[in-house]
Amino acid sequence: MAETLLNIKGLHATVAERDEDKGEILKGIDLKIDKGEIHVIMGPNGSGKSTLMNVIMGHPKYQVTSGSIEFEEKDLLSLKTFERARQGIFLSFQNPEEIPGITVENMLRSSKQAVTGENQKIMKFRKELKGSMEALKMDTSYSQRYMNVGFSGGEKKRNEILQLLTLNPKLALLDETDSGLDVDAVQIVSNGVNQFHNSENSCLIITHNTRILEQLKVDKVHVLMKGRVVAEGGPELIEKIDREGFGFLQDSAE
């Protein structure tokens, strides 16, 4: 029997400073992810996809008004963002921030120490980091550059996958990690996700570009529109959306 990693029931959420009655963003989301699975979220812009990711991670901008989120059968909503990271949740940002003054190596080493609670011996860490960077076809000199400063869009996205491989979480939330990438870069990012993924962890991926999914074994697809899940299915749903867009689901979103 599959072991459930993430279980969301009846999730409603809004922007924290917004009056609930003036407009919810998430309107009753149900979502269950078992260990070893890759789930995909698709939908038009403004449908609540990134909000869902941020709510799972505990972003203070958003307020859960009802519903529940359990991670390994523990109440996630009672935990702060850093505590959720320590539980094994990782969020890859749609638009990664630049952090002047902190090198990639120092950022990742400090992050891994904070998440695992274990001291990361510098030589061993450098060796592992070098191996991951080579797998992602990243210039290893970038480890000594300030975090994302002067990086191209594609380099920032590869750096997000480098963080994923370094931190090795139980649940990876990937918010349009493939956006703005050329064909070769998408292939490299896909390989990085495949390198991370195994039977003991899971991925939840937001994408508008289905090229990244061609290299991944997708278990389930969820389509969000207007803050609701309006369709679910397997890889065949991706193919239908590629052919027809989201128009055939408009009635379900009303």
C-alpha atoms as a PDB file:
ATOM      1  CA  MET A   1       0.000   0.000   0.000  1.00  0.00           C
ATOM      2  CA  ALA A   2       1.332   3.443  -0.976  1.00  0.00           C
ATOM      3  CA  GLU A   3       2.430   5.753   1.822  1.00  0.00           C
ATOM      4  CA  THR A   4       0.892   9.235   1.708  1.00  0.00           C
ATOM      5  CA  LEU A   5       3.377  12.092   1.907  1.00  0.00           C
ATOM      6  CA  LEU A   6       1.154  15.161   1.425  1.00  0.00           C
ATOM      7  CA  ASN A   7      -2.586  15.315   2.062  1.00  0.00           C
ATOM      8  CA  ILE A   8      -4.557  18.532   1.446  1.00  0.00           C
ATOM      9  CA  LYS A   9      -8.271  18.667   2.228  1.00  0.00           C
ATOM     10  CA  GLY A  10     -10.741  21.486   1.584  1.00  0.00           C
ATOM     11  CA  LEU A  11      -8.040  24.154   1.440  1.00  0.00           C
ATOM     12  CA  HIS A  12      -9.241  27.754   1.239  1.00  0.00           C
ATOM     13  CA  ALA A  13      -6.752  30.636   1.269  1.00  0.00           C
ATOM     14  CA  THR A  14      -6.491  34.341   0.575  1.00  0.00           C
ATOM     15  CA  VAL A  15      -3.867  37.073   0.765  1.00  0.00           C
ATOM     16  CA  ALA A  16      -3.267  37.723   4.479  1.00  0.00           C
ATOM     17  CA  GLU A  17      -4.232  41.402   4.458  1.00  0.00           C
ATOM     18  CA  ARG A  18      -7.257  40.861   2.221  1.00  0.00           C
ATOM     19  CA  ASP A  19     -10.772  40.486   3.584  1.00  0.00           C
ATOM     20  CA  GLU A  20     -11.846  36.894   2.905  1.00  0.00           C
ATOM     21  CA  ASP A  21     -15.175  38.097   1.539  1.00  0.00           C
ATOM     22  CA  LYS A  22     -13.411  40.234  -1.062  1.00  0.00           C
ATOM     23  CA  GLY A  23     -12.034  37.256  -2.853  1.00  0.00           C
ATOM     24  CA  GLU A  24     -10.436  33.931  -2.026  1.00  0.00           C
ATOM     25  CA  ILE A  25      -7.599  32.648  -4.168  1.00  0.00           C
ATOM     26  CA  LEU A  26      -7.874  28.960  -3.262  1.00  0.00           C
ATOM     27  CA  LYS A  27     -11.431  27.677  -3.009  1.00  0.00           C
ATOM     28  CA  GLY A  28     -11.478  24.177  -1.596  1.00  0.00           C
ATOM     29  CA  ILE A  29      -8.402  22.333  -2.882  1.00  0.00           C
ATOM     30  CA  ASP A  30      -8.109  18.573  -2.327  1.00  0.00           C
ATOM     31  CA  LEU A  31      -4.782  16.984  -3.247  1.00  0.00           C
ATOM     32  CA  LYS A  32      -3.039  13.788  -2.128  1.00  0.00           C
ATOM     33  CA  ILE A  33       0.512  12.810  -3.073  1.00  0.00           C
ATOM     34  CA  ASP A  34       2.063   9.461  -2.187  1.00  0.00           C
ATOM     35  CA  LYS A  35       5.764   8.720  -1.858  1.00  0.00           C
ATOM     36  CA  GLY A  36       7.468   8.080  -5.182  1.00  0.00           C
ATOM     37  CA  GLU A  37       4.967  10.084  -7.219  1.00  0.00           C
ATOM     38  CA  ILE A  38       5.335  13.019  -9.595  1.00  0.00           C
ATOM     39  CA  HIS A  39       2.288  15.286  -9.770  1.00  0.00           C
ATOM     40  CA  VAL A  40       1.800  18.183 -12.175  1.00  0.00           C
ATOM     41  CA  ILE A  41      -0.319  21.296 -11.741  1.00  0.00           C
ATOM     42  CA  MET A  42      -1.457  23.108 -14.868  1.00  0.00           C
ATOM     43  CA  GLY A  43      -3.854  25.978 -15.477  1.00  0.00           C
ATOM     44  CA  PRO A  44      -4.156  29.490 -16.896  1.00  0.00           C
ATOM     45  CA  ASN A  45      -2.340  32.431 -15.342  1.00  0.00           C
ATOM     46  CA  GLY A  46      -4.002  33.624 -12.142  1.00  0.00           C
ATOM     47  CA  SER A  47      -5.626  30.293 -11.347  1.00  0.00           C
ATOM     48  CA  GLY A  48      -3.901  29.890  -7.951  1.00  0.00           C
ATOM     49  CA  LYS A  49      -1.052  27.524  -8.816  1.00  0.00           C
ATOM     50  CA  SER A  50       1.796  29.516  -7.257  1.00  0.00           C
ATOM     51  CA  THR A  51      -0.423  30.473  -4.327  1.00  0.00           C
ATOM     52  CA  LEU A  52      -0.928  26.778  -3.568  1.00  0.00           C
ATOM     53  CA  MET A  53       2.839  26.190  -3.547  1.00  0.00           C
ATOM     54  CA  ASN A  54       3.423  29.172  -1.266  1.00  0.00           C
ATOM     55  CA  VAL A  55       0.662  28.111   1.116  1.00  0.00           C
ATOM     56  CA  ILE A  56       2.165  24.620   1.403  1.00  0.00           C
ATOM     57  CA  MET A  57       5.523  26.226   2.211  1.00  0.00           C
ATOM     58  CA  GLY A  58       3.983  28.650   4.732  1.00  0.00           C
ATOM     59  CA  HIS A  59       4.558  32.007   3.031  1.00  0.00           C
ATOM     60  CA  PRO A  60       3.306  34.696   5.473  1.00  0.00           C
ATOM     61  CA  LYS A  61       1.697  36.655   2.625  1.00  0.00           C
ATOM     62  CA  TYR A  62      -1.100  34.069   2.481  1.00  0.00           C
ATOM     63  CA  GLN A  63      -3.700  33.113   5.066  1.00  0.00           C
ATOM     64  CA  VAL A  64      -5.446  29.748   5.228  1.00  0.00           C
ATOM     65  CA  THR A  65      -9.089  30.371   6.080  1.00  0.00           C
ATOM     66  CA  SER A  66     -10.199  26.729   6.249  1.00  0.00           C
ATOM     67  CA  GLY A  67      -9.068  23.227   5.389  1.00  0.00           C
ATOM     68  CA  SER A  68      -6.016  21.198   6.337  1.00  0.00           C
ATOM     69  CA  ILE A  69      -2.553  20.254   5.090  1.00  0.00           C
ATOM     70  CA  GLU A  70      -0.851  17.165   6.486  1.00  0.00           C
ATOM     71  CA  PHE A  71       2.718  16.110   5.726  1.00  0.00           C
ATOM     72  CA  GLU A  72       3.550  12.559   6.762  1.00  0.00           C
ATOM     73  CA  GLU A  73       0.342  12.697   8.836  1.00  0.00           C
ATOM     74  CA  LYS A  74       1.540  15.774  10.762  1.00  0.00           C
ATOM     75  CA  ASP A  75      -0.343  19.083  10.779  1.00  0.00           C
ATOM     76  CA  LEU A  76       1.675  21.364   8.520  1.00  0.00           C
ATOM     77  CA  LEU A  77      -0.325  24.536   9.146  1.00  0.00           C
ATOM     78  CA  SER A  78       0.943  24.767  12.723  1.00  0.00           C
ATOM     79  CA  LEU A  79       4.560  24.983  11.522  1.00  0.00           C
ATOM     80  CA  LYS A  80       6.559  28.021  10.423  1.00  0.00           C
ATOM     81  CA  THR A  81       8.287  28.072   7.040  1.00  0.00           C
ATOM     82  CA  PHE A  82      11.723  27.055   8.347  1.00  0.00           C
ATOM     83  CA  GLU A  83      10.127  24.207  10.306  1.00  0.00           C
ATOM     84  CA  ARG A  84       8.448  22.946   7.144  1.00  0.00           C
ATOM     85  CA  ALA A  85      11.824  22.995   5.404  1.00  0.00           C
ATOM     86  CA  ARG A  86      13.254  20.911   8.234  1.00  0.00           C
ATOM     87  CA  GLN A  87      10.421  18.433   7.785  1.00  0.00           C
ATOM     88  CA  GLY A  88      11.687  17.900   4.217  1.00  0.00           C
ATOM     89  CA  ILE A  89       9.830  20.350   1.949  1.00  0.00           C
ATOM     90  CA  PHE A  90      11.636  22.376  -0.704  1.00  0.00           C
ATOM     91  CA  LEU A  91      10.269  25.182  -2.888  1.00  0.00           C
ATOM     92  CA  SER A  92      11.948  26.141  -6.155  1.00  0.00           C
ATOM     93  CA  PHE A  93      11.080  29.756  -6.943  1.00  0.00           C
ATOM     94  CA  GLN A  94       9.561  30.906 -10.212  1.00  0.00           C
ATOM     95  CA  ASN A  95      11.782  34.010 -10.083  1.00  0.00           C
ATOM     96  CA  PRO A  96      14.898  33.196  -7.995  1.00  0.00           C
ATOM     97  CA  GLU A  97      16.253  36.077  -5.938  1.00  0.00           C
ATOM     98  CA  GLU A  98      19.767  37.492  -6.210  1.00  0.00           C
ATOM     99  CA  ILE A  99      21.660  37.550  -2.893  1.00  0.00           C
ATOM    100  CA  PRO A 100      24.771  39.768  -3.027  1.00  0.00           C
ATOM    101  CA  GLY A 101      27.546  38.993  -0.562  1.00  0.00           C
ATOM    102  CA  ILE A 102      26.783  35.270  -0.128  1.00  0.00           C
ATOM    103  CA  THR A 103      28.392  32.718  -2.431  1.00  0.00           C
ATOM    104  CA  VAL A 104      26.479  29.786  -3.871  1.00  0.00           C
ATOM    105  CA  GLU A 105      28.654  27.378  -1.880  1.00  0.00           C
ATOM    106  CA  ASN A 106      28.175  29.183   1.424  1.00  0.00           C
ATOM    107  CA  MET A 107      24.434  29.559   0.860  1.00  0.00           C
ATOM    108  CA  LEU A 108      23.938  25.884   0.096  1.00  0.00           C
ATOM    109  CA  ARG A 109      26.227  24.662   2.872  1.00  0.00           C
ATOM    110  CA  SER A 110      24.485  26.890   5.441  1.00  0.00           C
ATOM    111  CA  SER A 111      21.075  25.792   4.155  1.00  0.00           C
ATOM    112  CA  LYS A 112      21.953  22.126   4.397  1.00  0.00           C
ATOM    113  CA  GLN A 113      23.271  22.580   7.939  1.00  0.00           C
ATOM    114  CA  ALA A 114      20.074  24.433   8.932  1.00  0.00           C
ATOM    115  CA  VAL A 115      17.776  21.823   7.409  1.00  0.00           C
ATOM    116  CA  THR A 116      19.602  18.696   8.579  1.00  0.00           C
ATOM    117  CA  GLY A 117      20.973  20.041  11.866  1.00  0.00           C
ATOM    118  CA  GLU A 118      24.295  18.404  10.975  1.00  0.00           C
ATOM    119  CA  ASN A 119      27.657  20.082  10.474  1.00  0.00           C
ATOM    120  CA  GLN A 120      28.716  19.953   6.824  1.00  0.00           C
ATOM    121  CA  LYS A 121      32.438  19.294   6.575  1.00  0.00           C
ATOM    122  CA  ILE A 122      33.725  21.674   3.961  1.00  0.00           C
ATOM    123  CA  MET A 123      35.860  19.334   1.819  1.00  0.00           C
ATOM    124  CA  LYS A 124      33.230  16.608   1.675  1.00  0.00           C
ATOM    125  CA  PHE A 125      30.545  19.190   0.888  1.00  0.00           C
ATOM    126  CA  ARG A 126      32.643  20.750  -1.878  1.00  0.00           C
ATOM    127  CA  LYS A 127      33.202  17.359  -3.488  1.00  0.00           C
ATOM    128  CA  GLU A 128      29.458  16.585  -3.491  1.00  0.00           C
ATOM    129  CA  LEU A 129      28.619  20.075  -4.756  1.00  0.00           C
ATOM    130  CA  LYS A 130      31.143  19.757  -7.583  1.00  0.00           C
ATOM    131  CA  GLY A 131      29.604  16.439  -8.648  1.00  0.00           C
ATOM    132  CA  SER A 132      26.089  17.900  -8.707  1.00  0.00           C
ATOM    133  CA  MET A 133      27.228  20.956 -10.685  1.00  0.00           C
ATOM    134  CA  GLU A 134      28.944  18.785 -13.260  1.00  0.00           C
ATOM    135  CA  ALA A 135      25.787  16.666 -13.613  1.00  0.00           C
ATOM    136  CA  LEU A 136      23.844  19.870 -14.338  1.00  0.00           C
ATOM    137  CA  LYS A 137      26.572  21.059 -16.735  1.00  0.00           C
ATOM    138  CA  MET A 138      27.242  24.103 -14.572  1.00  0.00           C
ATOM    139  CA  ASP A 139      30.625  25.817 -14.510  1.00  0.00           C
ATOM    140  CA  THR A 140      31.969  24.828 -11.090  1.00  0.00           C
ATOM    141  CA  SER A 141      33.461  28.313 -10.654  1.00  0.00           C
ATOM    142  CA  TYR A 142      29.899  29.543 -10.142  1.00  0.00           C
ATOM    143  CA  SER A 143      30.007  28.038  -6.646  1.00  0.00           C
ATOM    144  CA  GLN A 144      32.221  30.967  -5.612  1.00  0.00           C
ATOM    145  CA  ARG A 145      30.005  33.633  -7.181  1.00  0.00           C
ATOM    146  CA  TYR A 146      27.366  35.496  -5.238  1.00  0.00           C
ATOM    147  CA  MET A 147      23.998  33.726  -5.210  1.00  0.00           C
ATOM    148  CA  ASN A 148      22.329  34.306  -8.603  1.00  0.00           C
ATOM    149  CA  VAL A 149      24.051  37.694  -9.040  1.00  0.00           C
ATOM    150  CA  GLY A 150      24.742  38.175 -12.758  1.00  0.00           C
ATOM    151  CA  PHE A 151      23.313  34.737 -13.560  1.00  0.00           C
ATOM    152  CA  SER A 152      21.219  34.378 -16.704  1.00  0.00           C
ATOM    153  CA  GLY A 153      17.638  33.160 -16.346  1.00  0.00           C
ATOM    154  CA  GLY A 154      18.683  29.642 -17.322  1.00  0.00           C
ATOM    155  CA  GLU A 155      21.609  29.655 -14.885  1.00  0.00           C
ATOM    156  CA  LYS A 156      19.299  30.695 -12.063  1.00  0.00           C
ATOM    157  CA  LYS A 157      16.950  27.813 -12.856  1.00  0.00           C
ATOM    158  CA  ARG A 158      19.822  25.312 -12.922  1.00  0.00           C
ATOM    159  CA  ASN A 159      20.930  26.748  -9.601  1.00  0.00           C
ATOM    160  CA  GLU A 160      17.475  25.960  -8.204  1.00  0.00           C
ATOM    161  CA  ILE A 161      17.902  22.323  -9.236  1.00  0.00           C
ATOM    162  CA  LEU A 162      21.396  22.381  -7.693  1.00  0.00           C
ATOM    163  CA  GLN A 163      19.770  23.400  -4.415  1.00  0.00           C
ATOM    164  CA  LEU A 164      17.279  20.550  -4.815  1.00  0.00           C
ATOM    165  CA  LEU A 165      20.059  17.987  -5.268  1.00  0.00           C
ATOM    166  CA  THR A 166      22.035  19.449  -2.358  1.00  0.00           C
ATOM    167  CA  LEU A 167      19.180  19.565   0.152  1.00  0.00           C
ATOM    168  CA  ASN A 168      17.574  16.292  -1.023  1.00  0.00           C
ATOM    169  CA  PRO A 169      14.098  16.956   0.448  1.00  0.00           C
ATOM    170  CA  LYS A 170      11.197  14.539   0.757  1.00  0.00           C
ATOM    171  CA  LEU A 171       8.867  16.789  -1.255  1.00  0.00           C
ATOM    172  CA  ALA A 172      10.033  19.095  -4.057  1.00  0.00           C
ATOM    173  CA  LEU A 173       7.695  21.933  -5.037  1.00  0.00           C
ATOM    174  CA  LEU A 174       8.891  23.168  -8.440  1.00  0.00           C
ATOM    175  CA  ASP A 175       7.227  26.398  -9.563  1.00  0.00           C
ATOM    176  CA  GLU A 176       7.824  26.798 -13.306  1.00  0.00           C
ATOM    177  CA  THR A 177      11.457  25.750 -13.012  1.00  0.00           C
ATOM    178  CA  ASP A 178      11.445  25.254 -16.798  1.00  0.00           C
ATOM    179  CA  SER A 179      10.168  28.715 -17.760  1.00  0.00           C
ATOM    180  CA  GLY A 180      12.406  30.691 -20.091  1.00  0.00           C
ATOM    181  CA  LEU A 181      14.704  27.752 -20.810  1.00  0.00           C
ATOM    182  CA  ASP A 182      15.864  26.619 -24.227  1.00  0.00           C
ATOM    183  CA  VAL A 183      15.537  22.998 -25.347  1.00  0.00           C
ATOM    184  CA  ASP A 184      18.979  21.943 -24.087  1.00  0.00           C
ATOM    185  CA  ALA A 185      18.470  23.593 -20.687  1.00  0.00           C
ATOM    186  CA  VAL A 186      15.062  21.922 -20.276  1.00  0.00           C
ATOM    187  CA  GLN A 187      16.735  18.570 -20.917  1.00  0.00           C
ATOM    188  CA  ILE A 188      19.383  19.286 -18.258  1.00  0.00           C
ATOM    189  CA  VAL A 189      16.777  20.391 -15.707  1.00  0.00           C
ATOM    190  CA  SER A 190      14.679  17.287 -16.470  1.00  0.00           C
ATOM    191  CA  ASN A 191      17.734  15.095 -15.907  1.00  0.00           C
ATOM    192  CA  GLY A 192      18.340  16.873 -12.593  1.00  0.00           C
ATOM    193  CA  VAL A 193      14.784  16.183 -11.436  1.00  0.00           C
ATOM    194  CA  ASN A 194      15.141  12.544 -12.471  1.00  0.00           C
ATOM    195  CA  GLN A 195      18.434  12.338 -10.580  1.00  0.00           C
ATOM    196  CA  PHE A 196      16.662  13.598  -7.440  1.00  0.00           C
ATOM    197  CA  HIS A 197      13.455  11.583  -7.709  1.00  0.00           C
ATOM    198  CA  ASN A 198      13.149   8.112  -6.185  1.00  0.00           C
ATOM    199  CA  SER A 199      10.628   5.872  -4.428  1.00  0.00           C
ATOM    200  CA  GLU A 200      11.072   7.717  -1.121  1.00  0.00           C
ATOM    201  CA  ASN A 201      10.356  11.270  -2.281  1.00  0.00           C
ATOM    202  CA  SER A 202       7.838  13.144  -4.436  1.00  0.00           C
ATOM    203  CA  CYS A 203       7.559  16.119  -6.776  1.00  0.00           C
ATOM    204  CA  LEU A 204       4.788  18.639  -7.333  1.00  0.00           C
ATOM    205  CA  ILE A 205       5.510  20.582 -10.515  1.00  0.00           C
ATOM    206  CA  ILE A 206       3.865  23.685 -11.964  1.00  0.00           C
ATOM    207  CA  THR A 207       4.494  24.144 -15.670  1.00  0.00           C
ATOM    208  CA  HIS A 208       3.095  25.833 -18.766  1.00  0.00           C
ATOM    209  CA  ASN A 209       5.671  24.154 -20.974  1.00  0.00           C
ATOM    210  CA  THR A 210       5.148  20.418 -21.284  1.00  0.00           C
ATOM    211  CA  ARG A 211       8.607  19.769 -22.728  1.00  0.00           C
ATOM    212  CA  ILE A 212       9.992  19.138 -19.225  1.00  0.00           C
ATOM    213  CA  LEU A 213       7.326  16.485 -18.686  1.00  0.00           C
ATOM    214  CA  GLU A 214       8.441  14.479 -21.716  1.00  0.00           C
ATOM    215  CA  GLN A 215      11.429  13.231 -19.712  1.00  0.00           C
ATOM    216  CA  LEU A 216       9.545  12.579 -16.451  1.00  0.00           C
ATOM    217  CA  LYS A 217       7.205   9.782 -15.426  1.00  0.00           C
ATOM    218  CA  VAL A 218       4.124  11.768 -14.417  1.00  0.00           C
ATOM    219  CA  ASP A 219       1.650   9.964 -12.155  1.00  0.00           C
ATOM    220  CA  LYS A 220      -1.151  12.524 -11.964  1.00  0.00           C
ATOM    221  CA  VAL A 221      -2.155  15.868 -13.457  1.00  0.00           C
ATOM    222  CA  HIS A 222      -4.323  18.457 -11.688  1.00  0.00           C
ATOM    223  CA  VAL A 223      -5.810  21.416 -13.573  1.00  0.00           C
ATOM    224  CA  LEU A 224      -6.541  24.560 -11.518  1.00  0.00           C
ATOM    225  CA  MET A 225      -8.884  27.258 -12.740  1.00  0.00           C
ATOM    226  CA  LYS A 226     -10.217  30.106 -10.609  1.00  0.00           C
ATOM    227  CA  GLY A 227      -8.846  28.546  -7.430  1.00  0.00           C
ATOM    228  CA  ARG A 228     -10.419  25.135  -7.911  1.00  0.00           C
ATOM    229  CA  VAL A 229      -9.277  21.758  -9.232  1.00  0.00           C
ATOM    230  CA  VAL A 230     -11.493  21.335 -12.302  1.00  0.00           C
ATOM    231  CA  ALA A 231      -9.909  18.223 -13.820  1.00  0.00           C
ATOM    232  CA  GLU A 232      -7.565  15.403 -12.865  1.00  0.00           C
ATOM    233  CA  GLY A 233      -6.023  12.600 -14.839  1.00  0.00           C
ATOM    234  CA  GLY A 234      -2.855  11.022 -16.096  1.00  0.00           C
ATOM    235  CA  PRO A 235      -0.408  12.027 -18.846  1.00  0.00           C
ATOM    236  CA  GLU A 236      -3.221  11.835 -21.391  1.00  0.00           C
ATOM    237  CA  LEU A 237      -4.678  15.001 -19.868  1.00  0.00           C
ATOM    238  CA  ILE A 238      -1.440  16.850 -20.679  1.00  0.00           C
ATOM    239  CA  GLU A 239      -1.736  15.740 -24.305  1.00  0.00           C
ATOM    240  CA  LYS A 240      -5.355  16.932 -24.473  1.00  0.00           C
ATOM    241  CA  ILE A 241      -4.421  20.351 -23.058  1.00  0.00           C
ATOM    242  CA  ASP A 242      -1.573  20.592 -25.576  1.00  0.00           C
ATOM    243  CA  ARG A 243      -4.051  20.003 -28.385  1.00  0.00           C
ATOM    244  CA  GLU A 244      -7.035  21.990 -27.157  1.00  0.00           C
ATOM    245  CA  GLY A 245      -5.815  24.418 -24.495  1.00  0.00           C
ATOM    246  CA  PHE A 246      -7.922  24.948 -21.365  1.00  0.00           C
ATOM    247  CA  GLY A 247     -11.078  25.993 -23.221  1.00  0.00           C
ATOM    248  CA  PHE A 248     -12.791  22.619 -22.877  1.00  0.00           C
ATOM    249  CA  LEU A 249     -12.665  23.034 -19.086  1.00  0.00           C
ATOM    250  CA  GLN A 250     -14.224  26.523 -18.896  1.00  0.00           C
ATOM    251  CA  ASP A 251     -17.666  25.223 -17.945  1.00  0.00           C
ATOM    252  CA  SER A 252     -16.153  23.214 -15.060  1.00  0.00           C
ATOM    253  CA  ALA A 253     -14.538  26.359 -13.676  1.00  0.00           C
ATOM    254  CA  GLU A 254     -17.767  28.349 -13.461  1.00  0.00           C
END
